[in-house]
């Protein structure tokens, strides 16, 4: 089974690339984030033509997540159980489903904006709620993974230049401690191969030629339980999909399982 995660940065803007990538990559299950479209505007019909069902959590603003599957879609849970609200709303940042016997969560962790901002506290609370919500699945015998844009680089090796992030979000001790607490539920960081260069970055800002200079970050993560980690045979960043006109600023992370 091939499972992937990809922050598409607008499913509407990225639809031709998304459909072409699904056809060429042989992906069975894809977790996508930052849909930026209302659920009623989601391209269900186009995906059905390729054989994919979709579980979607979206409200038309800058968030939104989905699980796309061509191997079944069962036990769908929309939203983060017990998750915090921001400005009085629980944002559409999580959806989970069982696909071909593998349980997956697609998550889009809050950005945090800046240290000390209310959104930063919200981010930490959201990660704490995610830890609590996945703990039962993480400890189970069924292959299980949380995939998505975590907006946290787990280590200094996961950013191109740690000094460039001094005082900024994505690398603070509190954010990394929240990730460590999530892993401590029984999850393993499935680190992909980079295919090019020496570090598997997954995100490059559109500005300042960050992609051609490889000034990136690894913030799109796959955290799998013991059964998922045992089944994992390969993982890589599809850096080619970050190239060219109309690309997302994130690249897909692809994991191959023997299940």
Protein backbone atom coordinates (compact mmCIF):
# COMPACT_ATOMS: atom_id res chain seq x y z
CA UNK A 1 0.00 0.00 0.00
CA UNK A 2 1.24 3.47 -0.84
CA UNK A 3 0.19 6.23 1.59
CA UNK A 4 1.14 9.89 1.25
CA UNK A 5 0.58 13.31 2.78
CA UNK A 6 0.59 16.63 0.94
CA UNK A 7 -0.26 20.19 1.88
CA UNK A 8 -1.73 21.22 -1.47
CA UNK A 9 -2.18 24.91 -0.56
CA UNK A 10 -5.65 25.14 -2.23
CA UNK A 11 -7.27 22.09 -3.77
CA UNK A 12 -8.89 24.34 -6.38
CA UNK A 13 -5.63 25.91 -7.54
CA UNK A 14 -3.80 22.59 -7.40
CA UNK A 15 -6.50 20.31 -8.85
CA UNK A 16 -4.87 19.55 -12.23
CA UNK A 17 -1.57 18.74 -10.53
CA UNK A 18 -3.32 16.72 -7.82
CA UNK A 19 -5.20 14.55 -10.31
CA UNK A 20 -2.12 14.04 -12.48
CA UNK A 21 -0.01 13.14 -9.44
CA UNK A 22 -2.56 10.60 -8.19
CA UNK A 23 -2.58 8.93 -11.60
CA UNK A 24 1.21 8.84 -11.96
CA UNK A 25 2.26 8.06 -8.39
CA UNK A 26 0.16 4.97 -7.71
CA UNK A 27 -0.92 6.34 -4.34
CA UNK A 28 -3.64 4.36 -2.56
CA UNK A 29 -4.32 6.78 0.31
CA UNK A 30 -3.53 10.50 0.30
CA UNK A 31 -3.93 12.85 3.24
CA UNK A 32 -4.19 16.45 2.09
CA UNK A 33 -4.16 19.72 4.00
CA UNK A 34 -4.88 23.43 3.46
CA UNK A 35 -7.78 22.72 1.11
CA UNK A 36 -9.00 26.34 1.16
CA UNK A 37 -12.40 25.34 -0.24
CA UNK A 38 -15.83 24.70 1.21
CA UNK A 39 -16.87 21.07 1.46
CA UNK A 40 -19.55 21.56 -1.19
CA UNK A 41 -16.88 22.87 -3.58
CA UNK A 42 -14.56 19.90 -3.04
CA UNK A 43 -13.81 17.97 -6.28
CA UNK A 44 -15.55 14.72 -5.32
CA UNK A 45 -16.60 13.94 -8.89
CA UNK A 46 -13.16 14.35 -10.39
CA UNK A 47 -11.65 12.12 -7.72
CA UNK A 48 -14.35 9.46 -8.16
CA UNK A 49 -13.40 9.24 -11.82
CA UNK A 50 -9.95 8.13 -10.65
CA UNK A 51 -11.43 5.67 -8.16
CA UNK A 52 -10.99 7.71 -4.97
CA UNK A 53 -13.46 8.27 -2.16
CA UNK A 54 -12.96 11.32 0.04
CA UNK A 55 -13.53 12.14 3.70
CA UNK A 56 -13.44 15.93 4.01
CA UNK A 57 -13.40 18.46 6.82
CA UNK A 58 -13.45 21.98 5.37
CA UNK A 59 -15.27 25.29 5.73
CA UNK A 60 -14.01 27.31 2.77
CA UNK A 61 -11.39 29.34 4.60
CA UNK A 62 -7.62 28.79 4.74
CA UNK A 63 -7.77 25.46 6.58
CA UNK A 64 -9.37 22.19 5.57
CA UNK A 65 -8.17 18.58 5.44
CA UNK A 66 -9.15 15.38 3.67
CA UNK A 67 -8.36 11.69 3.29
CA UNK A 68 -8.55 10.33 -0.26
CA UNK A 69 -8.65 6.54 -0.66
CA UNK A 70 -9.05 3.96 -3.41
CA UNK A 71 -8.85 1.04 -0.94
CA UNK A 72 -11.94 1.78 1.15
CA UNK A 73 -13.01 4.52 3.52
CA UNK A 74 -14.54 3.50 6.84
CA UNK A 75 -14.89 4.73 10.43
CA UNK A 76 -14.60 8.38 9.43
CA UNK A 77 -14.22 10.88 12.26
CA UNK A 78 -14.46 14.55 11.32
CA UNK A 79 -12.64 16.99 13.56
CA UNK A 80 -10.35 16.62 16.57
CA UNK A 81 -12.22 15.13 19.55
CA UNK A 82 -11.68 17.39 22.53
CA UNK A 83 -9.82 19.90 20.40
CA UNK A 84 -9.60 23.59 21.36
CA UNK A 85 -11.40 26.43 19.64
CA UNK A 86 -9.93 29.59 18.18
CA UNK A 87 -12.12 32.70 18.03
CA UNK A 88 -15.01 30.54 19.21
CA UNK A 89 -14.68 27.94 16.43
CA UNK A 90 -13.12 24.50 16.21
CA UNK A 91 -11.28 24.90 12.93
CA UNK A 92 -11.34 22.08 10.32
CA UNK A 93 -7.86 20.75 10.94
CA UNK A 94 -8.33 16.99 11.38
CA UNK A 95 -10.12 14.06 9.78
CA UNK A 96 -9.48 10.35 10.26
CA UNK A 97 -10.52 7.17 8.47
CA UNK A 98 -9.67 3.50 8.07
CA UNK A 99 -8.46 2.66 4.57
CA UNK A 100 -7.68 -0.92 3.59
CA UNK A 101 -7.11 -1.89 7.20
CA UNK A 102 -4.82 1.06 7.98
CA UNK A 103 -6.07 3.85 10.23
CA UNK A 104 -4.89 7.34 9.23
CA UNK A 105 -5.34 10.89 10.46
CA UNK A 106 -4.85 13.87 8.16
CA UNK A 107 -3.91 16.88 10.28
CA UNK A 108 -3.08 20.52 9.70
CA UNK A 109 -1.56 21.81 12.92
CA UNK A 110 -2.05 25.54 13.62
CA UNK A 111 0.82 27.75 12.49
CA UNK A 112 1.22 29.61 15.76
CA UNK A 113 1.99 32.91 14.01
CA UNK A 114 4.50 34.23 16.57
CA UNK A 115 5.74 33.29 20.01
CA UNK A 116 3.46 34.80 22.65
CA UNK A 117 0.52 35.20 20.27
CA UNK A 118 -2.82 33.64 21.22
CA UNK A 119 -2.46 31.43 18.14
CA UNK A 120 0.79 30.04 19.53
CA UNK A 121 -0.94 28.97 22.76
CA UNK A 122 -3.74 27.53 20.62
CA UNK A 123 -1.17 25.51 18.65
CA UNK A 124 0.25 23.96 21.81
CA UNK A 125 -3.23 23.15 23.13
CA UNK A 126 -4.16 21.64 19.76
CA UNK A 127 -1.12 19.35 19.79
CA UNK A 128 -1.96 18.29 23.34
CA UNK A 129 -5.52 17.42 22.26
CA UNK A 130 -4.14 15.49 19.28
CA UNK A 131 -1.92 13.47 21.60
CA UNK A 132 -4.90 12.55 23.76
CA UNK A 133 -7.10 11.74 20.77
CA UNK A 134 -4.68 9.34 19.08
CA UNK A 135 -3.27 7.56 22.13
CA UNK A 136 -5.62 4.56 21.88
CA UNK A 137 -4.90 3.99 18.18
CA UNK A 138 -1.18 4.55 18.70
CA UNK A 139 -1.09 1.74 21.23
CA UNK A 140 -3.14 -0.66 19.10
CA UNK A 141 -2.20 -3.62 16.90
CA UNK A 142 -3.66 -2.15 13.70
CA UNK A 143 -1.30 -0.08 11.49
CA UNK A 144 -1.98 3.55 12.35
CA UNK A 145 -0.39 6.88 11.43
CA UNK A 146 -0.89 10.60 11.89
CA UNK A 147 0.14 12.39 8.70
CA UNK A 148 0.13 16.03 7.73
CA UNK A 149 1.54 19.49 8.03
CA UNK A 150 2.62 19.79 11.66
CA UNK A 151 4.14 23.28 11.33
CA UNK A 152 6.98 22.13 13.59
CA UNK A 153 10.49 21.05 12.59
CA UNK A 154 11.34 18.20 15.00
CA UNK A 155 15.09 18.95 15.19
CA UNK A 156 17.63 21.55 14.10
CA UNK A 157 18.57 19.21 11.23
CA UNK A 158 15.06 19.73 9.87
CA UNK A 159 15.65 23.39 8.95
CA UNK A 160 18.17 24.77 6.49
CA UNK A 161 19.65 27.25 8.97
CA UNK A 162 18.64 27.12 12.63
CA UNK A 163 19.94 30.65 13.28
CA UNK A 164 17.44 32.02 10.75
CA UNK A 165 14.63 30.92 13.08
CA UNK A 166 15.83 32.47 16.33
CA UNK A 167 12.80 33.77 18.21
CA UNK A 168 10.36 32.35 15.67
CA UNK A 169 7.78 29.60 15.78
CA UNK A 170 8.22 26.09 14.33
CA UNK A 171 11.45 25.41 16.26
CA UNK A 172 10.73 26.47 19.86
CA UNK A 173 11.33 24.05 22.74
CA UNK A 174 7.63 24.07 23.64
CA UNK A 175 6.54 23.06 20.14
CA UNK A 176 9.16 20.33 19.94
CA UNK A 177 8.19 19.08 23.40
CA UNK A 178 4.59 18.81 22.21
CA UNK A 179 5.76 16.70 19.26
CA UNK A 180 7.84 14.53 21.59
CA UNK A 181 4.78 13.99 23.80
CA UNK A 182 2.83 12.88 20.73
CA UNK A 183 5.58 10.40 19.79
CA UNK A 184 5.63 9.13 23.35
CA UNK A 185 2.16 7.67 22.86
CA UNK A 186 3.93 4.94 20.87
CA UNK A 187 4.59 6.62 17.52
CA UNK A 188 7.71 6.62 15.35
CA UNK A 189 8.83 9.43 13.06
CA UNK A 190 8.95 7.82 9.60
CA UNK A 191 11.73 9.95 8.11
CA UNK A 192 11.67 9.97 4.29
CA UNK A 193 14.58 9.88 1.86
CA UNK A 194 15.32 13.32 0.33
CA UNK A 195 16.02 12.05 -3.24
CA UNK A 196 18.17 15.16 -3.71
CA UNK A 197 20.53 16.97 -1.33
CA UNK A 198 21.19 15.58 2.12
CA UNK A 199 18.09 16.48 4.12
CA UNK A 200 14.46 15.57 3.39
CA UNK A 201 12.86 19.00 3.46
CA UNK A 202 9.16 19.10 2.60
CA UNK A 203 8.43 22.85 2.51
CA UNK A 204 10.15 25.75 0.76
CA UNK A 205 8.82 29.31 0.91
CA UNK A 206 7.78 30.82 -2.43
CA UNK A 207 9.94 33.88 -1.71
CA UNK A 208 13.66 34.57 -2.06
CA UNK A 209 14.36 31.57 -4.34
CA UNK A 210 14.06 29.26 -1.36
CA UNK A 211 13.32 26.17 -3.44
CA UNK A 212 16.22 26.37 -5.92
CA UNK A 213 18.54 27.28 -3.03
CA UNK A 214 17.09 24.38 -0.96
CA UNK A 215 16.32 26.70 1.95
CA UNK A 216 13.62 24.42 3.29
CA UNK A 217 12.12 22.77 6.35
CA UNK A 218 10.81 19.31 7.23
CA UNK A 219 7.41 20.04 8.72
CA UNK A 220 5.23 17.53 6.84
CA UNK A 221 5.51 14.44 8.99
CA UNK A 222 4.37 10.83 9.22
CA UNK A 223 4.10 9.44 12.75
CA UNK A 224 3.26 5.73 12.75
CA UNK A 225 2.60 3.23 15.51
CA UNK A 226 4.66 0.05 15.92
CA UNK A 227 2.54 -1.92 13.44
CA UNK A 228 2.86 0.86 10.85
CA UNK A 229 6.60 1.15 11.41
CA UNK A 230 7.06 -2.60 10.95
CA UNK A 231 5.08 -2.51 7.71
CA UNK A 232 6.99 0.52 6.39
CA UNK A 233 9.37 -0.45 3.57
CA UNK A 234 10.32 2.91 2.06
CA UNK A 235 9.57 6.62 2.32
CA UNK A 236 10.62 9.59 0.23
CA UNK A 237 9.88 13.25 -0.49
CA UNK A 238 8.57 13.72 -4.03
CA UNK A 239 10.55 16.88 -4.59
CA UNK A 240 9.68 16.89 -8.31
CA UNK A 241 6.13 17.93 -7.44
CA UNK A 242 7.43 21.17 -5.90
CA UNK A 243 8.86 22.21 -9.26
CA UNK A 244 7.29 24.22 -12.04
CA UNK A 245 4.40 26.61 -12.47
CA UNK A 246 1.47 26.30 -10.13
CA UNK A 247 3.19 24.11 -7.53
CA UNK A 248 2.30 24.05 -3.86
CA UNK A 249 5.00 25.29 -1.51
CA UNK A 250 5.00 21.77 0.02
CA UNK A 251 6.04 18.48 -1.58
CA UNK A 252 4.27 15.13 -1.02
CA UNK A 253 5.76 12.69 1.48
CA UNK A 254 5.22 9.13 0.26
CA UNK A 255 5.36 5.95 2.38
CA UNK A 256 5.26 2.39 1.06
CA UNK A 257 3.85 -0.31 3.34
CA UNK A 258 3.79 -4.08 3.16
CA UNK A 259 0.37 -4.89 4.62
